[in-house]
Structure formats: C-alpha cells, structure tokens
Protein backbone atom coordinates (compact mmCIF):
# COMPACT_ATOMS: atom_id res chain seq x y z
CA MET A 1 0.00 0.00 0.00
CA LYS A 2 2.80 2.42 0.87
CA LEU A 3 4.67 1.71 -2.38
CA THR A 4 1.62 1.83 -4.66
CA VAL A 5 -1.49 3.58 -3.36
CA GLY A 6 0.38 5.48 -0.65
CA GLY A 7 3.03 6.75 -3.02
CA SER A 8 0.43 7.85 -5.55
CA LEU A 9 -1.59 9.70 -2.91
CA LYS A 10 1.46 11.63 -1.73
CA THR A 11 2.50 12.49 -5.29
CA VAL A 12 -0.92 13.57 -6.53
CA PHE A 13 -2.48 15.18 -3.45
CA ARG A 14 0.69 16.26 -1.56
CA PRO A 15 -0.83 16.05 1.94
CA TRP A 16 0.78 18.33 4.52
CA VAL A 17 1.63 16.91 7.94
CA GLU A 18 2.31 18.49 11.33
CA GLY A 19 3.50 16.63 14.42
CA LEU A 20 4.86 13.53 12.70
CA GLU A 21 7.43 13.25 15.49
CA ASN A 22 4.59 12.50 17.95
CA VAL A 23 4.06 9.01 16.48
CA PRO A 24 6.37 6.59 18.38
CA ALA A 25 9.12 5.11 16.21
CA GLU A 26 8.53 1.71 17.83
CA GLY A 27 6.20 0.05 20.30
CA SER A 28 2.43 0.09 20.59
CA ALA A 29 0.26 3.20 20.33
CA ILE A 30 -3.34 4.07 19.49
CA LEU A 31 -3.94 6.67 16.78
CA ALA A 32 -7.36 8.21 17.50
CA SER A 33 -8.62 10.36 14.63
CA ASN A 34 -11.63 12.34 13.55
CA HIS A 35 -13.36 10.79 10.56
CA LEU A 36 -14.33 12.94 7.59
CA SER A 37 -13.85 10.67 4.60
CA PHE A 38 -13.33 7.11 3.42
CA SER A 39 -9.86 8.28 2.35
CA ASP A 40 -8.78 8.99 5.95
CA SER A 41 -7.67 5.36 6.29
CA PHE A 42 -5.36 5.83 3.30
CA PHE A 43 -3.89 9.30 3.76
CA LEU A 44 -2.79 8.71 7.36
CA PRO A 45 -0.93 5.42 6.72
CA ALA A 46 0.58 6.94 3.55
CA VAL A 47 2.50 9.60 5.48
CA LEU A 48 3.84 7.27 8.20
CA ASP A 49 6.76 4.88 8.02
CA ARG A 50 5.01 2.37 10.29
CA LYS A 51 2.01 0.20 9.48
CA ILE A 52 -1.34 1.13 11.05
CA THR A 53 -4.06 -1.46 11.49
CA PHE A 54 -7.62 -0.12 11.38
CA ILE A 55 -10.87 -1.91 11.99
CA ALA A 56 -12.97 -2.06 8.82
CA LYS A 57 -16.65 -2.88 8.53
CA ALA A 58 -17.30 -6.47 7.45
CA GLU A 59 -19.17 -5.33 4.32
CA TYR A 60 -15.83 -4.40 2.73
CA PHE A 61 -14.86 -8.08 2.88
CA THR A 62 -18.16 -9.69 1.88
CA SER A 63 -19.57 -7.57 -0.98
CA PRO A 64 -20.44 -9.63 -4.10
CA GLY A 65 -19.12 -9.29 -7.64
CA VAL A 66 -15.73 -8.44 -9.09
CA LYS A 67 -15.60 -5.08 -7.32
CA GLY A 68 -16.42 -6.77 -4.02
CA ARG A 69 -13.66 -9.35 -4.45
CA LEU A 70 -11.13 -6.68 -5.36
CA THR A 71 -12.15 -4.56 -2.37
CA ALA A 72 -11.85 -7.56 -0.03
CA ALA A 73 -8.43 -8.47 -1.43
CA PHE A 74 -7.22 -4.90 -0.98
CA PHE A 75 -8.35 -4.61 2.64
CA LYS A 76 -6.92 -8.03 3.50
CA GLY A 77 -3.68 -7.08 1.77
CA VAL A 78 -3.18 -3.98 3.88
CA GLY A 79 -3.97 -5.88 7.08
CA GLN A 80 -7.33 -4.35 7.98
CA LEU A 81 -9.50 -6.25 10.44
CA PRO A 82 -13.14 -7.03 9.50
CA VAL A 83 -15.73 -6.42 12.22
CA ASP A 84 -19.45 -7.09 11.85
CA ARG A 85 -21.08 -3.89 13.13
CA SER A 86 -24.60 -5.36 13.03
CA GLY A 87 -24.09 -7.66 15.99
CA GLY A 88 -24.66 -5.17 18.79
CA ARG A 89 -22.47 -5.63 21.84
CA GLY A 90 -20.81 -8.72 20.35
CA ALA A 91 -19.48 -6.62 17.48
CA GLY A 92 -18.05 -4.09 19.92
CA GLU A 93 -16.34 -6.80 21.93
CA ALA A 94 -14.80 -8.23 18.75
CA ALA A 95 -13.41 -4.80 17.85
CA ILE A 96 -11.93 -4.38 21.31
CA ARG A 97 -10.28 -7.81 21.24
CA SER A 98 -8.87 -7.05 17.79
CA GLY A 99 -7.41 -3.76 18.98
CA ILE A 100 -5.85 -5.32 22.05
CA SER A 101 -4.28 -8.06 19.92
CA VAL A 102 -2.69 -5.49 17.58
CA LEU A 103 -1.25 -3.49 20.48
CA GLU A 104 0.07 -6.56 22.28
CA ARG A 105 2.19 -7.20 19.16
CA GLY A 106 3.75 -3.77 19.65
CA GLU A 107 2.05 -2.26 16.59
CA LEU A 108 -0.03 0.85 15.82
CA PHE A 109 -3.80 0.60 16.10
CA GLY A 110 -5.99 3.19 14.35
CA ILE A 111 -9.49 4.01 15.56
CA TYR A 112 -12.20 6.59 14.89
CA PRO A 113 -13.82 7.38 18.27
CA GLU A 114 -16.89 8.90 16.58
CA GLY A 115 -17.71 5.42 15.27
CA THR A 116 -18.67 6.62 11.78
CA ARG A 117 -17.92 9.42 9.35
CA SER A 118 -19.13 12.90 10.24
CA PRO A 119 -22.27 13.71 8.25
CA ASP A 120 -21.49 17.42 7.95
CA GLY A 121 -17.81 18.04 8.73
CA ARG A 122 -18.36 18.75 12.41
CA LEU A 123 -16.82 16.75 15.27
CA TYR A 124 -19.22 14.51 17.17
CA ARG A 125 -19.19 12.89 20.59
CA GLY A 126 -16.77 9.99 20.93
CA LYS A 127 -18.04 6.54 21.80
CA PRO A 128 -16.36 5.39 25.03
CA GLY A 129 -16.52 1.62 24.55
CA GLY A 130 -13.73 0.97 22.04
CA LEU A 131 -11.04 3.61 22.39
CA ALA A 132 -11.01 3.93 26.18
CA ARG A 133 -11.32 0.22 26.93
CA VAL A 134 -8.49 -0.69 24.56
CA ALA A 135 -6.29 2.08 25.97
CA LEU A 136 -6.87 1.08 29.60
CA ALA A 137 -6.57 -2.65 28.93
CA THR A 138 -3.18 -2.26 27.23
CA GLY A 139 -1.67 0.90 28.72
CA ALA A 140 -0.81 2.06 25.20
CA PRO A 141 -0.51 5.84 24.69
CA VAL A 142 -3.24 7.53 22.68
CA VAL A 143 -2.05 9.84 19.88
CA PRO A 144 -4.79 12.30 18.81
CA VAL A 145 -4.98 12.93 15.06
CA ALA A 146 -6.91 15.51 13.05
CA MET A 147 -7.65 14.95 9.38
CA ILE A 148 -8.12 18.28 7.58
CA ASP A 149 -10.26 18.80 4.43
CA THR A 150 -10.33 15.14 3.39
CA GLU A 151 -14.12 15.33 3.02
CA LYS A 152 -13.70 17.99 0.31
CA ILE A 153 -11.64 15.75 -1.96
CA GLN A 154 -14.44 13.36 -2.86
CA PRO A 155 -17.82 14.29 -1.33
CA PRO A 156 -20.62 11.70 -1.43
CA GLY A 157 -21.97 11.29 -4.95
CA LYS A 158 -18.83 12.62 -6.66
CA ALA A 159 -17.05 10.05 -8.84
CA VAL A 160 -13.99 12.18 -9.67
CA PRO A 161 -11.89 13.39 -6.71
CA LYS A 162 -10.94 17.03 -6.44
CA LEU A 163 -7.21 17.74 -6.58
CA MET A 164 -6.38 19.62 -3.40
CA ARG A 165 -4.03 19.28 -0.44
CA PRO A 166 -5.53 17.63 2.64
CA GLY A 167 -3.83 18.02 5.98
CA ILE A 168 -2.93 15.78 8.90
CA ARG A 169 -2.20 17.26 12.31
CA ILE A 170 -0.83 14.88 14.96
CA GLY A 171 -0.88 15.79 18.64
CA GLU A 172 1.29 14.71 21.54
CA PRO A 173 0.63 11.25 23.03
CA LEU A 174 -1.81 11.07 25.93
CA ASP A 175 -0.97 8.81 28.87
CA PHE A 176 -3.90 7.17 30.63
CA SER A 177 -1.90 4.66 32.65
CA ARG A 178 -3.29 6.26 35.84
CA TYR A 179 -6.63 4.63 34.97
CA GLN A 180 -5.27 1.22 33.97
CA GLY A 181 -7.42 -1.58 35.34
CA LEU A 182 -10.51 0.62 35.54
CA GLU A 183 -11.86 -0.22 32.08
CA GLY A 184 -15.07 -1.44 33.74
CA ASP A 185 -15.88 2.01 35.15
CA ARG A 186 -18.16 3.83 32.70
CA PHE A 187 -17.37 7.23 34.21
CA ILE A 188 -13.65 6.70 33.65
CA LEU A 189 -14.31 5.51 30.09
CA ARG A 190 -16.34 8.64 29.41
CA SER A 191 -13.65 10.88 30.90
CA VAL A 192 -10.86 9.29 28.85
CA THR A 193 -12.87 9.53 25.63
CA ASP A 194 -13.82 13.17 26.23
CA GLU A 195 -10.20 14.10 26.90
CA VAL A 196 -9.15 12.55 23.58
CA MET A 197 -12.01 14.25 21.71
CA TYR A 198 -11.06 17.61 23.22
CA GLU A 199 -7.51 17.23 21.90
CA ILE A 200 -8.82 16.24 18.45
CA MET A 201 -11.10 19.30 18.48
CA LYS A 202 -8.15 21.58 19.25
CA LEU A 203 -6.09 20.03 16.46
CA SER A 204 -8.84 20.06 13.83
CA GLY A 205 -10.57 23.34 14.64
CA GLN A 206 -13.93 21.63 14.08
CA GLU A 207 -17.14 22.70 15.72
CA TYR A 208 -18.00 20.15 18.41
CA VAL A 209 -21.50 18.66 18.63
CA ASP A 210 -22.33 16.81 21.85
CA ILE A 211 -24.35 13.97 20.33
CA TYR A 212 -23.24 10.81 18.56
CA ALA A 213 -22.71 11.02 14.80
CA THR A 214 -25.00 8.03 14.27
CA ALA A 215 -27.84 9.94 15.97
CA ALA A 216 -27.08 13.02 13.87
CA LYS A 217 -27.28 10.94 10.68
CA ARG A 218 -30.69 9.62 11.72
CA GLN A 219 -31.90 13.15 12.46
CA ILE A 220 -30.65 14.43 9.11
CA ALA A 221 -32.27 11.52 7.28
CA ASP A 222 -35.56 12.09 9.11
CA ALA A 223 -35.46 15.81 8.34
CA ALA A 224 -34.77 15.08 4.64
CA LYS A 225 -37.70 12.64 4.55
CA LYS A 226 -40.03 15.20 6.12
CA ARG A 227 -38.89 17.87 3.63
CA ALA A 228 -39.50 15.49 0.72
CA GLU A 229 -42.99 14.71 2.00
CA LEU A 230 -43.75 18.41 2.50
CA GLU A 231 -42.42 19.31 -0.96
CA LYS A 232 -44.57 16.58 -2.47
CA ALA A 233 -47.62 17.94 -0.66
CA ARG A 234 -46.86 21.53 -1.66
CA LYS A 235 -46.34 20.50 -5.27
CA ALA A 236 -49.68 18.74 -5.24
CA ASP A 237 -51.24 21.99 -3.99
CA GLY A 238 -49.43 24.04 -6.66
CA GLN A 239 -47.11 25.79 -4.18
CA GLY A 240 -43.38 26.48 -4.44
CA PRO A 241 -40.55 24.32 -3.06
CA VAL A 242 -39.67 24.22 0.63
CA ASP A 243 -36.62 26.26 1.65
CA ARG A 244 -33.68 23.98 2.42
CA PRO A 245 -32.41 24.42 5.99
CA GLY A 246 -28.75 24.91 6.81
CA PRO A 247 -26.71 22.56 9.04
CA ALA A 248 -27.96 24.33 12.18
CA ASP A 249 -31.52 23.29 11.31
CA GLU A 250 -30.77 19.68 10.36
CA GLY A 251 -32.29 17.70 13.19
CA GLY A 252 -31.38 20.17 15.93
CA THR A 253 -27.68 19.23 16.15
CA THR A 254 -26.50 22.66 17.26
CA ASP A 255 -24.99 21.93 20.69
CA ARG A 256 -21.49 23.42 20.63
CA SER A 257 -20.46 22.25 24.10
CA VAL A 258 -16.87 21.08 24.28
CA PRO A 259 -16.26 17.52 25.51
CA GLY A 260 -15.40 17.00 29.13
C-alpha cells in the first residue's frame, strides 16, 4: 500500500503533515482520529513509516461481484481487520479484542472514536466503549490525530476526486496509565474519551457537537424525509418548493459544548 497507493496519494495530493514526530518510532500506540472521509484510512498510513491497522466494517470483505472481491483483497492485503457492526455488543467486543491483539504485538492501532464518518464536517461525541477500553486494557498511549479537508476531496456522490491538499495534524501522546485496570468504570471511560475528543477538536478546529454522529445521521435523514414529503404535498397543492435548511436546522444538532 505504501509503495503503490500510498506513493500515488502523496505524489498527486501532496498532503501536509504536522506533528509527525509524535508518532512513536517503535512500540504500541493508538492513533485516535476524527473521521471525515473514506480516504482517511489511506492518507494517514501513507504519510507514516510504520504500518497502522484499522478496523474495517465487514461489508468491505463480503460484498459480491468483481468489485467486491477486489475490495476484499485490498483490505486483507493492507492488514485491515473485519468487524461485523450489526451484531450489537458482540461486534463491539470483537473490535476491542482485535485492537488489544494489535497493540500486544507492539504495533499501531488506528481508531475513529466517533464510530462513523461525520455527516457534515463537524466533530461529534466519541463513543467510550472501544477507544477507552483498549487504551486502559493495554496501557498504550493515545495519539490524537486531526484529518483536515479530506471530506472535500471526494464528497458523497462525486465520482472524480478534487485535486487539493488535505492536511494531517498529529498531537502529543496522551498517557492514561493512571486509569489502567478501571476499564469497567463507565465514568472513567467517558472521561478518557472526552479528553481525547477535546484534543482532536483543538487540532482540527472543528465545531463540536455533543451527540453521537450516528444519531445526527438519523436526524438528518428524518429531516430530509419530512422535507421530501412536505415538498410533495406543496407540489400537489401548486405551491413552491420548501426552503432547504442549513446545518444548524438539520435535526437540531446545534450543541457546541466542548467535551469534558
């Protein structure tokens, strides 16, 4: 990946990087990043000398057809770990065990605490189960990472990527060894996660929204459905289209409270 895809990404898009020295040259560490684009899992490994293992949704490994087989081969080739996200708590436990296994080998483990891509470029509340439990179970340092502008390169629905320079800003490692052994305490898990999200927010400059991204996506989808129904009704009555709301009106996700 580094010699082929990674080299091409660096040549074509020329990503800029700050704080590269904060990634340990050896030994285990968790890279916790915001998540703006599918390409995040390619740009970050491309600029590092070391291999990063991310968890990837199982659909990337099981999709049918030629494209599905090629996608599965690629993800297996770069060492990504498939996790079935439809299995509730069992899926979460599998992700945690996978992360612990990677770190026990002295490698880098990449994780997106938001749990899914941001629907609108803002930073959402981190999920405490995966990141914090893996960090406390292993004692590995957590390196906060901010991906910058990756969502602008290839927005949803765009087949041809836009040629522009994305950025990667890497913060100083966070040590949570003081909490080691307390991975069963939900208040500690929440505190650790919020501390990491606060550092990511400072690095990225994103607006913080104190709800989960999955909930925001549901709210946005519901709002879009209601608009479509209203537009259909107005059209039937011979009225004009409904004004499209801005991000602040999409499902009420306007809480700008900082984490912690």
